[in-house]
Amino acid sequence: KTTLLVVGRTVEQHYITAINDYIQRTKRSITFDMEVILIEKHEESFNGSAERKEGELILKALQPGDVVVLLDEHGKE
């Protein structure tokens, strides 16, 4: 089973369109889910707690043996 784990709100329409297109094209060949990890606005105001909470939620979503690929919109590789 493949899961796209998205951290934060995806609000830009071209990303939403691309994600939905990918899900549609791959659903015939693989089981595919998308899970969004979203921190509430009031949690973001605490110093460093939002990042810690995101990390905890990411780790909770992972299972032993999972393969993780990090995609960063500002990445160079």
C-alpha atoms as a PDB file:
ATOM      1  CA  LYS A   1       0.000   0.000   0.000  1.00  0.00           C
ATOM      2  CA  THR A   2       1.310   3.454  -0.898  1.00  0.00           C
ATOM      3  CA  THR A   3       0.540   6.557   1.149  1.00  0.00           C
ATOM      4  CA  LEU A   4       1.345  10.153   0.291  1.00  0.00           C
ATOM      5  CA  LEU A   5       1.885  11.849   3.628  1.00  0.00           C
ATOM      6  CA  VAL A   6       1.414  15.606   3.244  1.00  0.00           C
ATOM      7  CA  VAL A   7       2.610  17.914   6.009  1.00  0.00           C
ATOM      8  CA  GLY A   8       0.690  21.177   6.136  1.00  0.00           C
ATOM      9  CA  ARG A   9      -2.177  22.480   4.132  1.00  0.00           C
ATOM     10  CA  THR A  10      -1.892  22.185   0.368  1.00  0.00           C
ATOM     11  CA  VAL A  11      -3.729  25.259  -0.875  1.00  0.00           C
ATOM     12  CA  GLU A  12      -2.098  25.986  -4.229  1.00  0.00           C
ATOM     13  CA  GLN A  13      -4.408  24.715  -6.939  1.00  0.00           C
ATOM     14  CA  HIS A  14      -1.652  23.360  -9.226  1.00  0.00           C
ATOM     15  CA  TYR A  15      -0.441  21.061  -6.418  1.00  0.00           C
ATOM     16  CA  ILE A  16      -3.971  19.857  -5.688  1.00  0.00           C
ATOM     17  CA  THR A  17      -4.563  19.208  -9.397  1.00  0.00           C
ATOM     18  CA  ALA A  18      -1.265  17.289  -9.728  1.00  0.00           C
ATOM     19  CA  ILE A  19      -1.946  15.176  -6.636  1.00  0.00           C
ATOM     20  CA  ASN A  20      -5.467  14.291  -7.770  1.00  0.00           C
ATOM     21  CA  ASP A  21      -4.176  13.423 -11.256  1.00  0.00           C
ATOM     22  CA  TYR A  22      -1.505  11.148  -9.759  1.00  0.00           C
ATOM     23  CA  ILE A  23      -4.059   9.380  -7.572  1.00  0.00           C
ATOM     24  CA  GLN A  24      -6.351   8.804 -10.557  1.00  0.00           C
ATOM     25  CA  ARG A  25      -3.555   7.491 -12.806  1.00  0.00           C
ATOM     26  CA  THR A  26      -2.104   5.107 -10.231  1.00  0.00           C
ATOM     27  CA  LYS A  27      -5.257   3.683  -8.647  1.00  0.00           C
ATOM     28  CA  ARG A  28      -5.485   0.944 -11.296  1.00  0.00           C
ATOM     29  CA  SER A  29      -2.063  -0.456 -10.466  1.00  0.00           C
ATOM     30  CA  ILE A  30      -1.469   0.319  -6.764  1.00  0.00           C
ATOM     31  CA  THR A  31      -3.500   0.900  -3.621  1.00  0.00           C
ATOM     32  CA  PHE A  32      -2.975   4.570  -2.894  1.00  0.00           C
ATOM     33  CA  ASP A  33      -4.004   6.776   0.026  1.00  0.00           C
ATOM     34  CA  MET A  34      -3.255  10.368   0.953  1.00  0.00           C
ATOM     35  CA  GLU A  35      -2.955  11.473   4.577  1.00  0.00           C
ATOM     36  CA  VAL A  36      -2.598  15.123   5.598  1.00  0.00           C
ATOM     37  CA  ILE A  37      -0.808  16.089   8.799  1.00  0.00           C
ATOM     38  CA  LEU A  38      -2.193  19.451   9.788  1.00  0.00           C
ATOM     39  CA  ILE A  39      -1.292  21.444  12.885  1.00  0.00           C
ATOM     40  CA  GLU A  40      -4.054  23.685  14.209  1.00  0.00           C
ATOM     41  CA  LYS A  41      -3.395  27.442  14.014  1.00  0.00           C
ATOM     42  CA  HIS A  42      -3.352  27.882  17.791  1.00  0.00           C
ATOM     43  CA  GLU A  43      -0.601  25.238  18.059  1.00  0.00           C
ATOM     44  CA  GLU A  44       1.648  27.114  15.613  1.00  0.00           C
ATOM     45  CA  SER A  45       1.974  30.078  17.965  1.00  0.00           C
ATOM     46  CA  PHE A  46       3.969  28.165  20.578  1.00  0.00           C
ATOM     47  CA  ASN A  47       7.746  28.385  20.202  1.00  0.00           C
ATOM     48  CA  GLY A  48       8.940  25.208  18.463  1.00  0.00           C
ATOM     49  CA  SER A  49       5.946  23.125  19.475  1.00  0.00           C
ATOM     50  CA  ALA A  50       4.433  23.006  15.970  1.00  0.00           C
ATOM     51  CA  GLU A  51       7.539  21.338  14.518  1.00  0.00           C
ATOM     52  CA  ARG A  52       7.721  18.897  17.414  1.00  0.00           C
ATOM     53  CA  LYS A  53       4.019  18.028  17.023  1.00  0.00           C
ATOM     54  CA  GLU A  54       4.454  17.531  13.246  1.00  0.00           C
ATOM     55  CA  GLY A  55       7.393  15.218  13.912  1.00  0.00           C
ATOM     56  CA  GLU A  56       5.362  13.175  16.390  1.00  0.00           C
ATOM     57  CA  LEU A  57       2.471  12.840  13.923  1.00  0.00           C
ATOM     58  CA  ILE A  58       4.817  11.814  11.098  1.00  0.00           C
ATOM     59  CA  LEU A  59       6.447   9.145  13.254  1.00  0.00           C
ATOM     60  CA  LYS A  60       3.015   7.907  14.344  1.00  0.00           C
ATOM     61  CA  ALA A  61       1.980   7.502  10.690  1.00  0.00           C
ATOM     62  CA  LEU A  62       5.037   5.379   9.824  1.00  0.00           C
ATOM     63  CA  GLN A  63       5.272   1.632  10.259  1.00  0.00           C
ATOM     64  CA  PRO A  64       8.419  -0.522  10.626  1.00  0.00           C
ATOM     65  CA  GLY A  65       9.781  -1.299   7.174  1.00  0.00           C
ATOM     66  CA  ASP A  66       8.203   1.734   5.484  1.00  0.00           C
ATOM     67  CA  VAL A  67      10.217   3.404   2.756  1.00  0.00           C
ATOM     68  CA  VAL A  68      10.237   7.191   3.139  1.00  0.00           C
ATOM     69  CA  VAL A  69      10.903   9.627   0.307  1.00  0.00           C
ATOM     70  CA  LEU A  70      11.098  13.289   1.268  1.00  0.00           C
ATOM     71  CA  LEU A  71       9.883  15.778  -1.333  1.00  0.00           C
ATOM     72  CA  ASP A  72      10.691  19.436  -0.691  1.00  0.00           C
ATOM     73  CA  GLU A  73       9.441  22.209  -2.964  1.00  0.00           C
ATOM     74  CA  HIS A  74      12.735  24.069  -2.354  1.00  0.00           C
ATOM     75  CA  GLY A  75      14.936  20.982  -2.733  1.00  0.00           C
ATOM     76  CA  LYS A  76      17.855  20.882  -5.166  1.00  0.00           C
ATOM     77  CA  GLU A  77      18.178  17.076  -5.626  1.00  0.00           C
END
